[in-house]
mmCIF file of all heavy atoms, coordinates in Angstrom:
data_MODEL
# 
_entry.id   MODEL 
# 
loop_
_atom_site.group_PDB 
_atom_site.id 
_atom_site.type_symbol 
_atom_site.label_atom_id 
_atom_site.label_alt_id 
_atom_site.label_comp_id 
_atom_site.label_asym_id 
_atom_site.label_entity_id 
_atom_site.label_seq_id 
_atom_site.pdbx_PDB_ins_code 
_atom_site.Cartn_x 
_atom_site.Cartn_y 
_atom_site.Cartn_z 
_atom_site.occupancy 
_atom_site.B_iso_or_equiv 
_atom_site.pdbx_formal_charge 
_atom_site.auth_seq_id 
_atom_site.auth_comp_id 
_atom_site.auth_asym_id 
_atom_site.auth_atom_id 
_atom_site.pdbx_PDB_model_num 
ATOM 1   N N   . SER A 1 1  ? 74.522 -65.681 -34.749 1.00 0.00 ? 1  SER A N   1 
ATOM 2   C CA  . SER A 1 1  ? 75.106 -65.911 -36.070 1.00 0.00 ? 1  SER A CA  1 
ATOM 3   C C   . SER A 1 1  ? 74.031 -65.764 -37.132 1.00 0.00 ? 1  SER A C   1 
ATOM 4   O O   . SER A 1 1  ? 72.833 -65.718 -36.827 1.00 0.00 ? 1  SER A O   1 
ATOM 5   C CB  . SER A 1 1  ? 75.747 -67.303 -36.146 1.00 0.00 ? 1  SER A CB  1 
ATOM 6   O OG  . SER A 1 1  ? 74.767 -68.312 -35.919 1.00 0.00 ? 1  SER A OG  1 
ATOM 7   N N   . ALA A 1 2  ? 74.458 -65.690 -38.385 1.00 0.00 ? 2  ALA A N   1 
ATOM 8   C CA  . ALA A 1 2  ? 73.516 -65.572 -39.498 1.00 0.00 ? 2  ALA A CA  1 
ATOM 9   C C   . ALA A 1 2  ? 74.103 -66.241 -40.725 1.00 0.00 ? 2  ALA A C   1 
ATOM 10  O O   . ALA A 1 2  ? 75.318 -66.227 -40.928 1.00 0.00 ? 2  ALA A O   1 
ATOM 11  C CB  . ALA A 1 2  ? 73.203 -64.104 -39.788 1.00 0.00 ? 2  ALA A CB  1 
ATOM 12  N N   . SER A 1 3  ? 73.225 -66.838 -41.527 1.00 0.00 ? 3  SER A N   1 
ATOM 13  C CA  . SER A 1 3  ? 73.631 -67.444 -42.789 1.00 0.00 ? 3  SER A CA  1 
ATOM 14  C C   . SER A 1 3  ? 72.664 -67.000 -43.879 1.00 0.00 ? 3  SER A C   1 
ATOM 15  O O   . SER A 1 3  ? 71.479 -66.772 -43.619 1.00 0.00 ? 3  SER A O   1 
ATOM 16  C CB  . SER A 1 3  ? 73.630 -68.974 -42.698 1.00 0.00 ? 3  SER A CB  1 
ATOM 17  O OG  . SER A 1 3  ? 74.574 -69.432 -41.756 1.00 0.00 ? 3  SER A OG  1 
ATOM 18  N N   . VAL A 1 4  ? 73.169 -66.880 -45.099 1.00 0.00 ? 4  VAL A N   1 
ATOM 19  C CA  . VAL A 1 4  ? 72.375 -66.408 -46.229 1.00 0.00 ? 4  VAL A CA  1 
ATOM 20  C C   . VAL A 1 4  ? 72.202 -67.533 -47.240 1.00 0.00 ? 4  VAL A C   1 
ATOM 21  O O   . VAL A 1 4  ? 73.178 -68.180 -47.645 1.00 0.00 ? 4  VAL A O   1 
ATOM 22  C CB  . VAL A 1 4  ? 73.043 -65.199 -46.911 1.00 0.00 ? 4  VAL A CB  1 
ATOM 23  C CG1 . VAL A 1 4  ? 72.213 -64.728 -48.102 1.00 0.00 ? 4  VAL A CG1 1 
ATOM 24  C CG2 . VAL A 1 4  ? 73.231 -64.062 -45.915 1.00 0.00 ? 4  VAL A CG2 1 
ATOM 25  N N   . TYR A 1 5  ? 70.958 -67.770 -47.629 1.00 0.00 ? 5  TYR A N   1 
ATOM 26  C CA  . TYR A 1 5  ? 70.612 -68.793 -48.619 1.00 0.00 ? 5  TYR A CA  1 
ATOM 27  C C   . TYR A 1 5  ? 69.749 -68.144 -49.699 1.00 0.00 ? 5  TYR A C   1 
ATOM 28  O O   . TYR A 1 5  ? 69.125 -67.107 -49.472 1.00 0.00 ? 5  TYR A O   1 
ATOM 29  C CB  . TYR A 1 5  ? 69.791 -69.925 -47.993 1.00 0.00 ? 5  TYR A CB  1 
ATOM 30  C CG  . TYR A 1 5  ? 70.391 -70.569 -46.772 1.00 0.00 ? 5  TYR A CG  1 
ATOM 31  C CD1 . TYR A 1 5  ? 70.214 -70.011 -45.505 1.00 0.00 ? 5  TYR A CD1 1 
ATOM 32  C CD2 . TYR A 1 5  ? 71.108 -71.757 -46.877 1.00 0.00 ? 5  TYR A CD2 1 
ATOM 33  C CE1 . TYR A 1 5  ? 70.761 -70.608 -44.380 1.00 0.00 ? 5  TYR A CE1 1 
ATOM 34  C CE2 . TYR A 1 5  ? 71.655 -72.368 -45.751 1.00 0.00 ? 5  TYR A CE2 1 
ATOM 35  C CZ  . TYR A 1 5  ? 71.473 -71.787 -44.504 1.00 0.00 ? 5  TYR A CZ  1 
ATOM 36  O OH  . TYR A 1 5  ? 72.006 -72.372 -43.392 1.00 0.00 ? 5  TYR A OH  1 
ATOM 37  N N   . LYS A 1 6  ? 69.678 -68.772 -50.860 1.00 0.00 ? 6  LYS A N   1 
ATOM 38  C CA  . LYS A 1 6  ? 68.656 -68.372 -51.822 1.00 0.00 ? 6  LYS A CA  1 
ATOM 39  C C   . LYS A 1 6  ? 67.300 -68.780 -51.272 1.00 0.00 ? 6  LYS A C   1 
ATOM 40  O O   . LYS A 1 6  ? 67.156 -69.852 -50.680 1.00 0.00 ? 6  LYS A O   1 
ATOM 41  C CB  . LYS A 1 6  ? 68.885 -69.049 -53.178 1.00 0.00 ? 6  LYS A CB  1 
ATOM 42  C CG  . LYS A 1 6  ? 69.903 -68.356 -54.057 1.00 0.00 ? 6  LYS A CG  1 
ATOM 43  C CD  . LYS A 1 6  ? 69.896 -68.935 -55.465 1.00 0.00 ? 6  LYS A CD  1 
ATOM 44  C CE  . LYS A 1 6  ? 70.844 -68.158 -56.372 1.00 0.00 ? 6  LYS A CE  1 
ATOM 45  N NZ  . LYS A 1 6  ? 70.819 -68.681 -57.764 1.00 0.00 ? 6  LYS A NZ  1 
ATOM 46  N N   . ALA A 1 7  ? 66.301 -67.927 -51.459 1.00 0.00 ? 7  ALA A N   1 
ATOM 47  C CA  . ALA A 1 7  ? 64.957 -68.252 -51.001 1.00 0.00 ? 7  ALA A CA  1 
ATOM 48  C C   . ALA A 1 7  ? 64.416 -69.444 -51.786 1.00 0.00 ? 7  ALA A C   1 
ATOM 49  O O   . ALA A 1 7  ? 64.818 -69.689 -52.932 1.00 0.00 ? 7  ALA A O   1 
ATOM 50  C CB  . ALA A 1 7  ? 64.038 -67.043 -51.170 1.00 0.00 ? 7  ALA A CB  1 
ATOM 51  N N   . ASP A 1 8  ? 63.513 -70.190 -51.167 1.00 0.00 ? 8  ASP A N   1 
ATOM 52  C CA  . ASP A 1 8  ? 62.946 -71.377 -51.810 1.00 0.00 ? 8  ASP A CA  1 
ATOM 53  C C   . ASP A 1 8  ? 62.243 -71.025 -53.113 1.00 0.00 ? 8  ASP A C   1 
ATOM 54  O O   . ASP A 1 8  ? 62.255 -71.808 -54.060 1.00 0.00 ? 8  ASP A O   1 
ATOM 55  C CB  . ASP A 1 8  ? 61.971 -72.075 -50.854 1.00 0.00 ? 8  ASP A CB  1 
ATOM 56  C CG  . ASP A 1 8  ? 62.667 -72.633 -49.611 1.00 0.00 ? 8  ASP A CG  1 
ATOM 57  O OD1 . ASP A 1 8  ? 63.887 -72.893 -49.696 1.00 0.00 ? 8  ASP A OD1 1 
ATOM 58  O OD2 . ASP A 1 8  ? 62.000 -72.798 -48.583 1.00 0.00 ? 8  ASP A OD2 1 
ATOM 59  N N   . ASN A 1 9  ? 61.624 -69.865 -53.158 1.00 0.00 ? 9  ASN A N   1 
ATOM 60  C CA  . ASN A 1 9  ? 60.886 -69.444 -54.362 1.00 0.00 ? 9  ASN A CA  1 
ATOM 61  C C   . ASN A 1 9  ? 61.681 -68.422 -55.171 1.00 0.00 ? 9  ASN A C   1 
ATOM 62  O O   . ASN A 1 9  ? 61.116 -67.494 -55.757 1.00 0.00 ? 9  ASN A O   1 
ATOM 63  C CB  . ASN A 1 9  ? 59.532 -68.856 -53.970 1.00 0.00 ? 9  ASN A CB  1 
ATOM 64  C CG  . ASN A 1 9  ? 59.672 -67.669 -53.007 1.00 0.00 ? 9  ASN A CG  1 
ATOM 65  O OD1 . ASN A 1 9  ? 60.738 -67.459 -52.428 1.00 0.00 ? 9  ASN A OD1 1 
ATOM 66  N ND2 . ASN A 1 9  ? 58.607 -66.891 -52.863 1.00 0.00 ? 9  ASN A ND2 1 
ATOM 67  N N   . TYR A 1 10 ? 63.006 -68.584 -55.210 1.00 0.00 ? 10 TYR A N   1 
ATOM 68  C CA  . TYR A 1 10 ? 63.884 -67.617 -55.866 1.00 0.00 ? 10 TYR A CA  1 
ATOM 69  C C   . TYR A 1 10 ? 63.477 -67.403 -57.318 1.00 0.00 ? 10 TYR A C   1 
ATOM 70  O O   . TYR A 1 10 ? 63.202 -68.349 -58.060 1.00 0.00 ? 10 TYR A O   1 
ATOM 71  C CB  . TYR A 1 10 ? 65.331 -68.098 -55.801 1.00 0.00 ? 10 TYR A CB  1 
ATOM 72  C CG  . TYR A 1 10 ? 66.313 -67.116 -56.393 1.00 0.00 ? 10 TYR A CG  1 
ATOM 73  C CD1 . TYR A 1 10 ? 66.823 -66.071 -55.632 1.00 0.00 ? 10 TYR A CD1 1 
ATOM 74  C CD2 . TYR A 1 10 ? 66.713 -67.226 -57.721 1.00 0.00 ? 10 TYR A CD2 1 
ATOM 75  C CE1 . TYR A 1 10 ? 67.707 -65.153 -56.169 1.00 0.00 ? 10 TYR A CE1 1 
ATOM 76  C CE2 . TYR A 1 10 ? 67.606 -66.317 -58.266 1.00 0.00 ? 10 TYR A CE2 1 
ATOM 77  C CZ  . TYR A 1 10 ? 68.098 -65.287 -57.493 1.00 0.00 ? 10 TYR A CZ  1 
ATOM 78  O OH  . TYR A 1 10 ? 68.967 -64.381 -58.027 1.00 0.00 ? 10 TYR A OH  1 
ATOM 79  N N   . ASN A 1 11 ? 63.475 -66.123 -57.713 1.00 0.00 ? 11 ASN A N   1 
ATOM 80  C CA  . ASN A 1 11 ? 63.091 -65.728 -59.062 1.00 0.00 ? 11 ASN A CA  1 
ATOM 81  C C   . ASN A 1 11 ? 64.084 -64.686 -59.543 1.00 0.00 ? 11 ASN A C   1 
ATOM 82  O O   . ASN A 1 11 ? 64.256 -63.644 -58.904 1.00 0.00 ? 11 ASN A O   1 
ATOM 83  C CB  . ASN A 1 11 ? 61.663 -65.164 -59.057 1.00 0.00 ? 11 ASN A CB  1 
ATOM 84  C CG  . ASN A 1 11 ? 61.194 -64.741 -60.436 1.00 0.00 ? 11 ASN A CG  1 
ATOM 85  O OD1 . ASN A 1 11 ? 61.953 -64.735 -61.403 1.00 0.00 ? 11 ASN A OD1 1 
ATOM 86  N ND2 . ASN A 1 11 ? 59.920 -64.371 -60.529 1.00 0.00 ? 11 ASN A ND2 1 
ATOM 87  N N   . ASP A 1 12 ? 64.751 -64.943 -60.669 1.00 0.00 ? 12 ASP A N   1 
ATOM 88  C CA  . ASP A 1 12 ? 65.763 -64.011 -61.182 1.00 0.00 ? 12 ASP A CA  1 
ATOM 89  C C   . ASP A 1 12 ? 65.188 -62.620 -61.428 1.00 0.00 ? 12 ASP A C   1 
ATOM 90  O O   . ASP A 1 12 ? 65.904 -61.615 -61.304 1.00 0.00 ? 12 ASP A O   1 
ATOM 91  C CB  . ASP A 1 12 ? 66.364 -64.541 -62.481 1.00 0.00 ? 12 ASP A CB  1 
ATOM 92  C CG  . ASP A 1 12 ? 67.362 -65.673 -62.239 1.00 0.00 ? 12 ASP A CG  1 
ATOM 93  O OD1 . ASP A 1 12 ? 68.000 -65.674 -61.169 1.00 0.00 ? 12 ASP A OD1 1 
ATOM 94  O OD2 . ASP A 1 12 ? 67.486 -66.552 -63.109 1.00 0.00 ? 12 ASP A OD2 1 
ATOM 95  N N   . ALA A 1 13 ? 63.921 -62.561 -61.787 1.00 0.00 ? 13 ALA A N   1 
ATOM 96  C CA  . ALA A 1 13 ? 63.310 -61.270 -62.082 1.00 0.00 ? 13 ALA A CA  1 
ATOM 97  C C   . ALA A 1 13 ? 63.075 -60.442 -60.823 1.00 0.00 ? 13 ALA A C   1 
ATOM 98  O O   . ALA A 1 13 ? 63.018 -59.215 -60.886 1.00 0.00 ? 13 ALA A O   1 
ATOM 99  C CB  . ALA A 1 13 ? 61.990 -61.478 -62.824 1.00 0.00 ? 13 ALA A CB  1 
ATOM 100 N N   . ASP A 1 14 ? 62.933 -61.100 -59.695 1.00 0.00 ? 14 ASP A N   1 
ATOM 101 C CA  . ASP A 1 14 ? 62.722 -60.417 -58.416 1.00 0.00 ? 14 ASP A CA  1 
ATOM 102 C C   . ASP A 1 14 ? 63.449 -61.214 -57.336 1.00 0.00 ? 14 ASP A C   1 
ATOM 103 O O   . ASP A 1 14 ? 62.835 -61.899 -56.528 1.00 0.00 ? 14 ASP A O   1 
ATOM 104 C CB  . ASP A 1 14 ? 61.225 -60.330 -58.106 1.00 0.00 ? 14 ASP A CB  1 
ATOM 105 C CG  . ASP A 1 14 ? 60.944 -59.480 -56.878 1.00 0.00 ? 14 ASP A CG  1 
ATOM 106 O OD1 . ASP A 1 14 ? 61.844 -58.739 -56.433 1.00 0.00 ? 14 ASP A OD1 1 
ATOM 107 O OD2 . ASP A 1 14 ? 59.810 -59.561 -56.349 1.00 0.00 ? 14 ASP A OD2 1 
ATOM 108 N N   . PRO A 1 15 ? 64.788 -61.136 -57.347 1.00 0.00 ? 15 PRO A N   1 
ATOM 109 C CA  . PRO A 1 15 ? 65.598 -62.013 -56.487 1.00 0.00 ? 15 PRO A CA  1 
ATOM 110 C C   . PRO A 1 15 ? 65.317 -61.821 -55.003 1.00 0.00 ? 15 PRO A C   1 
ATOM 111 O O   . PRO A 1 15 ? 65.145 -60.698 -54.531 1.00 0.00 ? 15 PRO A O   1 
ATOM 112 C CB  . PRO A 1 15 ? 67.037 -61.618 -56.834 1.00 0.00 ? 15 PRO A CB  1 
ATOM 113 C CG  . PRO A 1 15 ? 66.929 -60.240 -57.408 1.00 0.00 ? 15 PRO A CG  1 
ATOM 114 C CD  . PRO A 1 15 ? 65.609 -60.192 -58.115 1.00 0.00 ? 15 PRO A CD  1 
ATOM 115 N N   . GLU A 1 16 ? 65.275 -62.949 -54.300 1.00 0.00 ? 16 GLU A N   1 
ATOM 116 C CA  . GLU A 1 16 ? 64.994 -62.934 -52.869 1.00 0.00 ? 16 GLU A CA  1 
ATOM 117 C C   . GLU A 1 16 ? 65.910 -63.928 -52.180 1.00 0.00 ? 16 GLU A C   1 
ATOM 118 O O   . GLU A 1 16 ? 66.049 -65.083 -52.619 1.00 0.00 ? 16 GLU A O   1 
ATOM 119 C CB  . GLU A 1 16 ? 63.530 -63.318 -52.643 1.00 0.00 ? 16 GLU A CB  1 
ATOM 120 C CG  . GLU A 1 16 ? 63.012 -63.057 -51.251 1.00 0.00 ? 16 GLU A CG  1 
ATOM 121 C CD  . GLU A 1 16 ? 61.496 -63.210 -51.189 1.00 0.00 ? 16 GLU A CD  1 
ATOM 122 O OE1 . GLU A 1 16 ? 60.798 -62.626 -52.038 1.00 0.00 ? 16 GLU A OE1 1 
ATOM 123 O OE2 . GLU A 1 16 ? 61.033 -63.918 -50.281 1.00 0.00 ? 16 GLU A OE2 1 
ATOM 124 N N   . TYR A 1 17 ? 66.553 -63.487 -51.127 1.00 0.00 ? 17 TYR A N   1 
ATOM 125 C CA  . TYR A 1 17 ? 67.429 -64.347 -50.339 1.00 0.00 ? 17 TYR A CA  1 
ATOM 126 C C   . TYR A 1 17 ? 66.814 -64.538 -48.956 1.00 0.00 ? 17 TYR A C   1 
ATOM 127 O O   . TYR A 1 17 ? 66.135 -63.652 -48.434 1.00 0.00 ? 17 TYR A O   1 
ATOM 128 C CB  . TYR A 1 17 ? 68.827 -63.726 -50.199 1.00 0.00 ? 17 TYR A CB  1 
ATOM 129 C CG  . TYR A 1 17 ? 69.768 -64.006 -51.351 1.00 0.00 ? 17 TYR A CG  1 
ATOM 130 C CD1 . TYR A 1 17 ? 69.309 -64.492 -52.567 1.00 0.00 ? 17 TYR A CD1 1 
ATOM 131 C CD2 . TYR A 1 17 ? 71.129 -63.762 -51.226 1.00 0.00 ? 17 TYR A CD2 1 
ATOM 132 C CE1 . TYR A 1 17 ? 70.172 -64.743 -53.617 1.00 0.00 ? 17 TYR A CE1 1 
ATOM 133 C CE2 . TYR A 1 17 ? 72.014 -64.007 -52.272 1.00 0.00 ? 17 TYR A CE2 1 
ATOM 134 C CZ  . TYR A 1 17 ? 71.526 -64.490 -53.465 1.00 0.00 ? 17 TYR A CZ  1 
ATOM 135 O OH  . TYR A 1 17 ? 72.389 -64.741 -54.496 1.00 0.00 ? 17 TYR A OH  1 
ATOM 136 N N   . ARG A 1 18 ? 67.078 -65.693 -48.376 1.00 0.00 ? 18 ARG A N   1 
ATOM 137 C CA  . ARG A 1 18 ? 66.617 -65.988 -47.026 1.00 0.00 ? 18 ARG A CA  1 
ATOM 138 C C   . ARG A 1 18 ? 67.791 -65.864 -46.069 1.00 0.00 ? 18 ARG A C   1 
ATOM 139 O O   . ARG A 1 18 ? 68.824 -66.507 -46.249 1.00 0.00 ? 18 ARG A O   1 
ATOM 140 C CB  . ARG A 1 18 ? 66.026 -67.407 -46.962 1.00 0.00 ? 18 ARG A CB  1 
ATOM 141 C CG  . ARG A 1 18 ? 65.691 -67.887 -45.557 1.00 0.00 ? 18 ARG A CG  1 
ATOM 142 C CD  . ARG A 1 18 ? 64.845 -69.156 -45.610 1.00 0.00 ? 18 ARG A CD  1 
ATOM 143 N NE  . ARG A 1 18 ? 65.439 -70.189 -46.447 1.00 0.00 ? 18 ARG A NE  1 
ATOM 144 C CZ  . ARG A 1 18 ? 66.310 -71.102 -46.011 1.00 0.00 ? 18 ARG A CZ  1 
ATOM 145 N NH1 . ARG A 1 18 ? 66.699 -71.099 -44.740 1.00 0.00 ? 18 ARG A NH1 1 
ATOM 146 N NH2 . ARG A 1 18 ? 66.790 -72.020 -46.831 1.00 0.00 ? 18 ARG A NH2 1 
ATOM 147 N N   . VAL A 1 19 ? 67.626 -65.039 -45.030 1.00 0.00 ? 19 VAL A N   1 
ATOM 148 C CA  . VAL A 1 19 ? 68.654 -64.867 -44.013 1.00 0.00 ? 19 VAL A CA  1 
ATOM 149 C C   . VAL A 1 19 ? 68.170 -65.541 -42.733 1.00 0.00 ? 19 VAL A C   1 
ATOM 150 O O   . VAL A 1 19 ? 67.120 -65.183 -42.195 1.00 0.00 ? 19 VAL A O   1 
ATOM 151 C CB  . VAL A 1 19 ? 68.955 -63.381 -43.739 1.00 0.00 ? 19 VAL A CB  1 
ATOM 152 C CG1 . VAL A 1 19 ? 70.073 -63.252 -42.706 1.00 0.00 ? 19 VAL A CG1 1 
ATOM 153 C CG2 . VAL A 1 19 ? 69.339 -62.662 -45.030 1.00 0.00 ? 19 VAL A CG2 1 
ATOM 154 N N   . ARG A 1 20 ? 68.913 -66.520 -42.286 1.00 0.00 ? 20 ARG A N   1 
ATOM 155 C CA  . ARG A 1 20 ? 68.574 -67.220 -41.040 1.00 0.00 ? 20 ARG A CA  1 
ATOM 156 C C   . ARG A 1 20 ? 69.462 -66.685 -39.920 1.00 0.00 ? 20 ARG A C   1 
ATOM 157 O O   . ARG A 1 20 ? 70.692 -66.722 -40.026 1.00 0.00 ? 20 ARG A O   1 
ATOM 158 C CB  . ARG A 1 20 ? 68.753 -68.724 -41.198 1.00 0.00 ? 20 ARG A CB  1 
ATOM 159 C CG  . ARG A 1 20 ? 68.525 -69.521 -39.914 1.00 0.00 ? 20 ARG A CG  1 
ATOM 160 C CD  . ARG A 1 20 ? 68.324 -71.004 -40.207 1.00 0.00 ? 20 ARG A CD  1 
ATOM 161 N NE  . ARG A 1 20 ? 67.056 -71.219 -40.895 1.00 0.00 ? 20 ARG A NE  1 
ATOM 162 C CZ  . ARG A 1 20 ? 66.591 -72.428 -41.233 1.00 0.00 ? 20 ARG A CZ  1 
ATOM 163 N NH1 . ARG A 1 20 ? 67.299 -73.507 -40.950 1.00 0.00 ? 20 ARG A NH1 1 
ATOM 164 N NH2 . ARG A 1 20 ? 65.433 -72.547 -41.860 1.00 0.00 ? 20 ARG A NH2 1 
ATOM 165 N N   . HIS A 1 21 ? 68.831 -66.183 -38.866 1.00 0.00 ? 21 HIS A N   1 
ATOM 166 C CA  . HIS A 1 21 ? 69.563 -65.598 -37.746 1.00 0.00 ? 21 HIS A CA  1 
ATOM 167 C C   . HIS A 1 21 ? 69.356 -66.432 -36.494 1.00 0.00 ? 21 HIS A C   1 
ATOM 168 O O   . HIS A 1 21 ? 68.216 -66.673 -36.081 1.00 0.00 ? 21 HIS A O   1 
ATOM 169 C CB  . HIS A 1 21 ? 69.099 -64.159 -37.502 1.00 0.00 ? 21 HIS A CB  1 
ATOM 170 C CG  . HIS A 1 21 ? 69.764 -63.499 -36.343 1.00 0.00 ? 21 HIS A CG  1 
ATOM 171 N ND1 . HIS A 1 21 ? 69.081 -63.091 -35.213 1.00 0.00 ? 21 HIS A ND1 1 
ATOM 172 C CD2 . HIS A 1 21 ? 71.060 -63.191 -36.118 1.00 0.00 ? 21 HIS A CD2 1 
ATOM 173 C CE1 . HIS A 1 21 ? 69.919 -62.562 -34.354 1.00 0.00 ? 21 HIS A CE1 1 
ATOM 174 N NE2 . HIS A 1 21 ? 71.134 -62.604 -34.882 1.00 0.00 ? 21 HIS A NE2 1 
ATOM 175 N N   . TRP A 1 22 ? 70.449 -66.907 -35.905 1.00 0.00 ? 22 TRP A N   1 
ATOM 176 C CA  . TRP A 1 22 ? 70.410 -67.676 -34.666 1.00 0.00 ? 22 TRP A CA  1 
ATOM 177 C C   . TRP A 1 22 ? 70.639 -66.743 -33.483 1.00 0.00 ? 22 TRP A C   1 
ATOM 178 O O   . TRP A 1 22 ? 71.581 -65.941 -33.497 1.00 0.00 ? 22 TRP A O   1 
ATOM 179 C CB  . TRP A 1 22 ? 71.491 -68.750 -34.665 1.00 0.00 ? 22 TRP A CB  1 
ATOM 180 C CG  . TRP A 1 22 ? 71.194 -69.937 -35.518 1.00 0.00 ? 22 TRP A CG  1 
ATOM 181 C CD1 . TRP A 1 22 ? 70.640 -71.133 -35.129 1.00 0.00 ? 22 TRP A CD1 1 
ATOM 182 C CD2 . TRP A 1 22 ? 71.469 -70.083 -36.925 1.00 0.00 ? 22 TRP A CD2 1 
ATOM 183 N NE1 . TRP A 1 22 ? 70.537 -71.987 -36.204 1.00 0.00 ? 22 TRP A NE1 1 
ATOM 184 C CE2 . TRP A 1 22 ? 71.038 -71.376 -37.314 1.00 0.00 ? 22 TRP A CE2 1 
ATOM 185 C CE3 . TRP A 1 22 ? 72.024 -69.234 -37.894 1.00 0.00 ? 22 TRP A CE3 1 
ATOM 186 C CZ2 . TRP A 1 22 ? 71.154 -71.846 -38.619 1.00 0.00 ? 22 TRP A CZ2 1 
ATOM 187 C CZ3 . TRP A 1 22 ? 72.136 -69.687 -39.186 1.00 0.00 ? 22 TRP A CZ3 1 
ATOM 188 C CH2 . TRP A 1 22 ? 71.696 -70.981 -39.536 1.00 0.00 ? 22 TRP A CH2 1 
ATOM 189 N N   . ASP A 1 23 ? 69.796 -66.855 -32.439 1.00 0.00 ? 23 ASP A N   1 
ATOM 190 C CA  . ASP A 1 23 ? 70.013 -66.053 -31.246 1.00 0.00 ? 23 ASP A CA  1 
ATOM 191 C C   . ASP A 1 23 ? 70.961 -66.772 -30.291 1.00 0.00 ? 23 ASP A C   1 
ATOM 192 O O   . ASP A 1 23 ? 71.507 -67.838 -30.613 1.00 0.00 ? 23 ASP A O   1 
ATOM 193 C CB  . ASP A 1 23 ? 68.689 -65.707 -30.558 1.00 0.00 ? 23 ASP A CB  1 
ATOM 194 C CG  . ASP A 1 23 ? 67.913 -66.935 -30.063 1.00 0.00 ? 23 ASP A CG  1 
ATOM 195 O OD1 . ASP A 1 23 ? 68.532 -68.008 -29.854 1.00 0.00 ? 23 ASP A OD1 1 
ATOM 196 O OD2 . ASP A 1 23 ? 66.690 -66.818 -29.861 1.00 0.00 ? 23 ASP A OD2 1 
ATOM 197 N N   . LYS A 1 24 ? 71.171 -66.205 -29.122 1.00 0.00 ? 24 LYS A N   1 
ATOM 198 C CA  . LYS A 1 24 ? 72.126 -66.758 -28.164 1.00 0.00 ? 24 LYS A CA  1 
ATOM 199 C C   . LYS A 1 24 ? 71.720 -68.144 -27.678 1.00 0.00 ? 24 LYS A C   1 
ATOM 200 O O   . LYS A 1 24 ? 72.579 -68.939 -27.263 1.00 0.00 ? 24 LYS A O   1 
ATOM 201 C CB  . LYS A 1 24 ? 72.267 -65.816 -26.967 1.00 0.00 ? 24 LYS A CB  1 
ATOM 202 C CG  . LYS A 1 24 ? 72.838 -64.458 -27.314 1.00 0.00 ? 24 LYS A CG  1 
ATOM 203 C CD  . LYS A 1 24 ? 72.849 -63.544 -26.093 1.00 0.00 ? 24 LYS A CD  1 
ATOM 204 C CE  . LYS A 1 24 ? 73.327 -62.154 -26.446 1.00 0.00 ? 24 LYS A CE  1 
ATOM 205 N NZ  . LYS A 1 24 ? 73.296 -61.236 -25.286 1.00 0.00 ? 24 LYS A NZ  1 
ATOM 206 N N   . SER A 1 25 ? 70.425 -68.437 -27.732 1.00 0.00 ? 25 SER A N   1 
ATOM 207 C CA  . SER A 1 25 ? 69.929 -69.738 -27.261 1.00 0.00 ? 25 SER A CA  1 
ATOM 208 C C   . SER A 1 25 ? 69.977 -70.805 -28.344 1.00 0.00 ? 25 SER A C   1 
ATOM 209 O O   . SER A 1 25 ? 69.672 -71.966 -28.083 1.00 0.00 ? 25 SER A O   1 
ATOM 210 C CB  . SER A 1 25 ? 68.492 -69.590 -26.744 1.00 0.00 ? 25 SER A CB  1 
ATOM 211 O OG  . SER A 1 25 ? 68.424 -68.662 -25.685 1.00 0.00 ? 25 SER A OG  1 
ATOM 212 N N   . GLY A 1 26 ? 70.337 -70.403 -29.560 1.00 0.00 ? 26 GLY A N   1 
ATOM 213 C CA  . GLY A 1 26 ? 70.389 -71.352 -30.664 1.00 0.00 ? 26 GLY A CA  1 
ATOM 214 C C   . GLY A 1 26 ? 69.100 -71.426 -31.451 1.00 0.00 ? 26 GLY A C   1 
ATOM 215 O O   . GLY A 1 26 ? 69.002 -72.193 -32.417 1.00 0.00 ? 26 GLY A O   1 
# 
């Protein structure tokens, strides 16, 4: 599975998102 969050250091001028990907083992 995967979930998308705003990155901790998000900046409107250079937007960055954090994608967390879980493998089969969790």
